[in-house]
Amino acid sequence: MVQAREDDAMSDEGGNGDDDAGGVQAVDTAVRVLSALIDMGAPLMLKTVAERADMQPPKAHRYLVSFCRSGLAERDAATGGYRLGPLAVRLGLAALRHLNVVQVASPTLATLRDELGFTAGLAVWGGAGPTFVRFEETNDALIISGRPGSVMPLLTSSTGRVFGAYLPRSVTEPYIRKELAGTPHPGATPSNRKIELDEVETLFEGVRQHKLAQVRGDVNPGLHGLSAPILDHAGAIVGVLTVMGSAGLINTDLDGPIAATLSARAEEVSRRMGWA
């Protein structure tokens, strides 16, 4: 009887073939049910799953029965609630293994450059600190030192400040102390901006609050930058998107239009990296 009801559900949802738009409606409905189980704590009761999936409980139940049989979901014996099953976990881990922030974020650089009209760069944390790995450049003659492999200071670059705000202090402490002692990262332009030790955490807290960092000529006179974090499924920082341009041309206000666009694009990349 359960199998018959499931077959009826697939038929009702248009599961017998693809439509002209290239999709199966029953699969779309199934994804809604699975999505209802993703952002969960304790196992969810049927009524809650149905509400989140925007469908009647009997219909949601038919899908859940099939999911439990396949391993995409499982039912808690003590509460009767539903949660994601072992197959869903395996699928998620397999997807994460294939995620590479450089591959995922690189197309966004060209989009940012074209949307904003300024050079966009992607940095990751390397052995020497914040390291640019990709650039999409404009014709701004001032952006001539930005090349893949460029290492940025942690405290006086917008890119470095984002890493400093999100990485564990155990990772960043040696770099912070070197810069406070007047020893910048290799390849970084010496800064005229002197930051004191008691300013560091306040600086990083502001970055976390806005999910953005800005500099105005702190590293290179006349060059302003705005940066945003890329986060993974665990909320850990895996990269930084940075937009940079000449003073007087680029608006690096944290509540400005460039900041809004950069934040939106960084969040899109983060979601593709598994962040929610």
Protein backbone atom coordinates (compact mmCIF):
# COMPACT_ATOMS: atom_id res chain seq x y z
CA MET A 1 0.00 0.00 0.00
CA VAL A 2 2.87 2.36 0.82
CA GLN A 3 4.47 1.69 -2.56
CA ALA A 4 1.18 2.36 -4.33
CA ARG A 5 0.76 5.65 -2.51
CA GLU A 6 4.33 6.64 -3.42
CA ASP A 7 3.68 5.78 -7.07
CA ASP A 8 0.54 7.89 -6.94
CA ALA A 9 2.52 10.78 -5.48
CA MET A 10 5.09 10.60 -8.27
CA SER A 11 2.33 10.51 -10.84
CA ASP A 12 0.47 13.40 -9.24
CA GLU A 13 3.64 15.48 -9.27
CA GLY A 14 4.33 14.90 -12.96
CA GLY A 15 7.07 12.35 -12.35
CA ASN A 16 6.50 10.36 -15.55
CA GLY A 17 8.67 12.59 -17.72
CA ASP A 18 10.53 15.80 -18.20
CA ASP A 19 8.63 18.91 -19.20
CA ASP A 20 9.86 21.39 -21.79
CA ALA A 21 11.70 23.37 -19.13
CA GLY A 22 13.86 20.35 -18.36
CA GLY A 23 12.77 19.11 -14.95
CA VAL A 24 10.66 16.65 -13.00
CA GLN A 25 8.14 18.23 -10.67
CA ALA A 26 8.21 15.29 -8.26
CA VAL A 27 11.95 15.78 -7.78
CA ASP A 28 11.41 19.47 -7.08
CA THR A 29 8.84 18.51 -4.45
CA ALA A 30 11.22 15.94 -2.94
CA VAL A 31 13.92 18.59 -2.64
CA ARG A 32 11.50 20.78 -0.68
CA VAL A 33 11.01 17.99 1.83
CA LEU A 34 14.74 17.32 2.14
CA SER A 35 15.46 21.03 2.47
CA ALA A 36 13.06 21.14 5.41
CA LEU A 37 15.40 18.75 7.25
CA ILE A 38 18.63 20.66 6.60
CA ASP A 39 18.47 23.54 9.08
CA MET A 40 17.49 21.47 12.04
CA GLY A 41 18.52 20.74 15.59
CA ALA A 42 16.42 17.97 17.09
CA PRO A 43 14.54 15.58 14.77
CA LEU A 44 11.48 17.23 13.28
CA MET A 45 7.95 15.93 13.62
CA LEU A 46 5.93 15.28 10.48
CA LYS A 47 3.76 18.37 10.95
CA THR A 48 6.83 20.62 11.13
CA VAL A 49 8.40 19.05 8.04
CA ALA A 50 5.14 19.53 6.13
CA GLU A 51 4.90 23.16 7.18
CA ARG A 52 8.47 23.89 6.13
CA ALA A 53 7.92 22.14 2.80
CA ASP A 54 4.59 23.93 2.32
CA MET A 55 2.52 20.79 1.77
CA GLN A 56 -0.05 18.63 3.51
CA PRO A 57 1.28 16.13 6.09
CA PRO A 58 0.07 12.99 4.23
CA LYS A 59 1.96 14.08 1.13
CA ALA A 60 5.12 14.88 3.11
CA HIS A 61 4.82 11.52 4.85
CA ARG A 62 4.87 9.62 1.54
CA TYR A 63 8.14 11.25 0.60
CA LEU A 64 9.65 10.71 4.03
CA VAL A 65 8.84 6.99 3.88
CA SER A 66 10.80 6.67 0.63
CA PHE A 67 13.65 8.81 1.96
CA CYS A 68 13.95 6.63 5.06
CA ARG A 69 14.03 3.52 2.88
CA SER A 70 16.83 4.95 0.73
CA GLY A 71 18.88 6.43 3.58
CA LEU A 72 18.29 10.06 2.66
CA ALA A 73 16.36 10.46 5.91
CA GLU A 74 15.88 8.49 9.10
CA ARG A 75 13.32 8.43 11.86
CA ASP A 76 14.30 8.83 15.49
CA ALA A 77 13.05 5.84 17.45
CA ALA A 78 12.54 7.79 20.67
CA THR A 79 10.66 10.84 19.38
CA GLY A 80 9.30 9.72 16.02
CA GLY A 81 10.86 12.79 14.41
CA TYR A 82 12.78 12.87 11.14
CA ARG A 83 16.33 13.94 10.34
CA LEU A 84 18.75 13.60 7.45
CA GLY A 85 20.01 10.05 6.99
CA PRO A 86 23.42 8.50 6.29
CA LEU A 87 23.10 8.74 2.50
CA ALA A 88 22.40 12.48 2.75
CA VAL A 89 25.50 12.85 4.92
CA ARG A 90 27.61 10.93 2.39
CA LEU A 91 26.30 13.10 -0.45
CA GLY A 92 27.12 16.26 1.49
CA LEU A 93 30.65 15.10 2.29
CA ALA A 94 31.24 14.09 -1.32
CA ALA A 95 30.17 17.55 -2.49
CA LEU A 96 32.44 19.24 0.04
CA ARG A 97 35.45 17.21 -1.10
CA HIS A 98 35.05 18.62 -4.58
CA LEU A 99 34.72 22.24 -3.48
CA ASN A 100 37.72 24.45 -4.12
CA VAL A 101 37.39 28.10 -3.25
CA VAL A 102 39.56 29.22 -6.18
CA GLN A 103 37.40 27.34 -8.67
CA VAL A 104 34.14 28.36 -7.02
CA ALA A 105 34.98 32.04 -6.53
CA SER A 106 36.96 32.81 -9.70
CA PRO A 107 33.94 33.46 -11.97
CA THR A 108 32.66 35.97 -9.42
CA LEU A 109 35.78 38.12 -9.84
CA ALA A 110 34.93 38.98 -13.43
CA THR A 111 31.34 39.67 -12.40
CA LEU A 112 32.49 42.07 -9.69
CA ARG A 113 34.89 43.85 -12.03
CA ASP A 114 32.20 44.29 -14.64
CA GLU A 115 29.53 45.34 -12.14
CA LEU A 116 31.67 47.82 -10.24
CA GLY A 117 34.32 48.88 -12.73
CA PHE A 118 37.19 48.18 -10.32
CA THR A 119 39.85 45.49 -10.02
CA ALA A 120 38.68 42.44 -8.05
CA GLY A 121 40.95 39.92 -6.37
CA LEU A 122 40.68 36.61 -4.53
CA ALA A 123 43.02 35.81 -1.63
CA VAL A 124 43.56 32.67 0.43
CA TRP A 125 45.58 32.06 3.55
CA GLY A 126 49.04 30.87 2.56
CA GLY A 127 52.26 30.04 4.32
CA ALA A 128 53.26 33.72 4.41
CA GLY A 129 49.79 35.03 5.29
CA PRO A 130 47.02 36.57 3.13
CA THR A 131 47.99 35.70 -0.45
CA PHE A 132 46.27 36.78 -3.66
CA VAL A 133 45.71 33.94 -6.11
CA ARG A 134 43.51 35.53 -8.76
CA PHE A 135 42.84 39.01 -10.15
CA GLU A 136 40.43 40.46 -12.67
CA GLU A 137 41.90 43.84 -13.52
CA THR A 138 40.64 47.07 -15.02
CA ASN A 139 42.80 49.54 -16.89
CA ASP A 140 43.52 51.54 -13.73
CA ALA A 141 47.25 52.27 -14.02
CA LEU A 142 47.54 52.40 -10.25
CA ILE A 143 46.85 48.68 -9.91
CA ILE A 144 50.24 47.49 -11.12
CA SER A 145 51.55 45.66 -8.05
CA GLY A 146 48.60 43.32 -7.74
CA ARG A 147 49.71 39.95 -9.05
CA PRO A 148 48.94 36.36 -8.06
CA GLY A 149 51.29 35.50 -5.22
CA SER A 150 51.20 38.98 -3.69
CA VAL A 151 51.25 38.74 0.11
CA MET A 152 49.35 41.35 2.08
CA PRO A 153 49.87 42.61 5.63
CA LEU A 154 47.39 41.41 8.20
CA LEU A 155 46.71 44.71 9.96
CA THR A 156 46.89 47.40 7.29
CA SER A 157 45.26 45.75 4.25
CA SER A 158 41.54 45.16 3.96
CA THR A 159 42.25 41.59 2.81
CA GLY A 160 44.46 40.91 5.81
CA ARG A 161 42.01 42.44 8.25
CA VAL A 162 39.28 40.04 7.15
CA PHE A 163 41.56 37.06 7.68
CA GLY A 164 42.63 38.47 11.03
CA ALA A 165 39.01 38.86 12.11
CA TYR A 166 37.92 35.33 11.18
CA LEU A 167 40.95 33.11 11.67
CA PRO A 168 41.79 31.76 15.15
CA ARG A 169 44.18 34.00 17.06
CA SER A 170 46.51 31.02 17.45
CA VAL A 171 47.05 31.19 13.67
CA THR A 172 47.37 34.96 13.32
CA GLU A 173 49.28 35.82 16.51
CA PRO A 174 52.81 35.42 15.03
CA TYR A 175 51.91 37.66 12.08
CA ILE A 176 50.30 40.27 14.30
CA ARG A 177 53.36 40.49 16.54
CA LYS A 178 55.73 40.76 13.58
CA GLU A 179 53.75 43.61 12.09
CA LEU A 180 53.42 45.41 15.41
CA ALA A 181 57.20 45.10 15.73
CA GLY A 182 57.58 46.76 12.34
CA THR A 183 58.19 43.62 10.27
CA PRO A 184 55.62 43.39 7.46
CA HIS A 185 54.77 40.28 5.51
CA PRO A 186 57.11 39.47 2.60
CA GLY A 187 56.09 41.37 -0.50
CA ALA A 188 53.95 43.89 1.32
CA THR A 189 54.57 47.60 0.97
CA PRO A 190 55.67 49.09 4.32
CA SER A 191 52.83 50.96 5.94
CA ASN A 192 52.87 54.44 7.36
CA ARG A 193 49.89 53.52 9.54
CA LYS A 194 50.97 52.44 13.01
CA ILE A 195 48.53 50.19 14.85
CA GLU A 196 48.90 49.53 18.56
CA LEU A 197 48.29 46.18 20.24
CA ASP A 198 45.20 47.37 22.10
CA GLU A 199 43.61 48.43 18.79
CA VAL A 200 43.86 45.04 17.14
CA GLU A 201 40.87 43.26 18.66
CA THR A 202 38.70 46.36 18.30
CA LEU A 203 39.69 46.52 14.65
CA PHE A 204 38.83 42.85 14.07
CA GLU A 205 35.56 43.10 15.97
CA GLY A 206 34.46 45.89 13.66
CA VAL A 207 35.27 43.70 10.65
CA ARG A 208 33.19 40.83 12.05
CA GLN A 209 30.32 43.19 12.82
CA HIS A 210 30.12 44.49 9.25
CA LYS A 211 31.50 41.37 7.52
CA LEU A 212 33.63 43.88 5.64
CA ALA A 213 37.00 45.59 5.95
CA GLN A 214 38.16 48.81 4.35
CA VAL A 215 41.47 50.62 3.90
CA ARG A 216 42.16 54.01 2.38
CA GLY A 217 45.76 54.20 1.28
CA ASP A 218 47.04 52.32 4.35
CA VAL A 219 49.22 49.97 2.29
CA ASN A 220 49.71 51.85 -0.99
CA PRO A 221 49.10 55.60 -1.03
CA GLY A 222 46.24 56.45 -3.34
CA LEU A 223 44.90 52.88 -3.41
CA HIS A 224 41.71 52.08 -1.51
CA GLY A 225 40.32 48.60 -0.85
CA LEU A 226 37.20 46.87 0.41
CA SER A 227 37.13 43.18 1.35
CA ALA A 228 34.58 40.53 2.38
CA PRO A 229 34.99 36.98 3.72
CA ILE A 230 34.13 33.72 1.98
CA LEU A 231 32.96 31.12 4.50
CA ASP A 232 32.57 27.35 4.19
CA HIS A 233 29.95 24.93 5.53
CA ALA A 234 31.37 25.20 9.05
CA GLY A 235 31.51 29.00 9.01
CA ALA A 236 35.31 28.97 8.69
CA ILE A 237 36.99 31.50 6.42
CA VAL A 238 38.39 29.98 3.22
CA GLY A 239 39.03 33.10 1.16
CA VAL A 240 38.55 36.84 0.81
CA LEU A 241 37.09 38.85 -2.07
CA THR A 242 38.63 42.30 -2.45
CA VAL A 243 37.73 45.25 -4.66
CA MET A 244 40.34 47.97 -5.09
CA GLY A 245 40.60 51.28 -6.88
CA SER A 246 42.10 54.74 -6.94
CA ALA A 247 41.37 57.27 -4.23
CA GLY A 248 38.61 59.61 -5.27
CA LEU A 249 37.08 57.02 -7.59
CA ILE A 250 36.14 54.05 -5.44
CA ASN A 251 33.64 54.40 -2.59
CA THR A 252 34.79 52.21 0.29
CA ASP A 253 32.08 53.28 2.75
CA LEU A 254 30.86 50.20 4.62
CA ASP A 255 27.25 51.20 3.94
CA GLY A 256 27.87 52.26 0.35
CA PRO A 257 26.72 50.65 -2.90
CA ILE A 258 30.05 48.98 -3.64
CA ALA A 259 30.07 47.41 -0.18
CA ALA A 260 26.53 46.11 -0.71
CA THR A 261 27.43 44.49 -4.03
CA LEU A 262 30.64 42.99 -2.67
CA SER A 263 28.84 41.58 0.37
CA ALA A 264 26.14 40.03 -1.80
CA ARG A 265 28.67 38.39 -4.11
CA ALA A 266 30.76 37.09 -1.20
CA GLU A 267 27.65 35.55 0.36
CA GLU A 268 26.76 33.90 -2.95
CA VAL A 269 30.20 32.29 -3.10
CA SER A 270 29.94 31.28 0.57
CA ARG A 271 26.63 29.55 -0.09
CA ARG A 272 28.22 27.63 -2.95
CA MET A 273 30.95 26.62 -0.49
CA GLY A 274 28.26 25.20 1.80
CA TRP A 275 27.75 28.11 4.20
CA ALA A 276 24.23 28.83 5.40
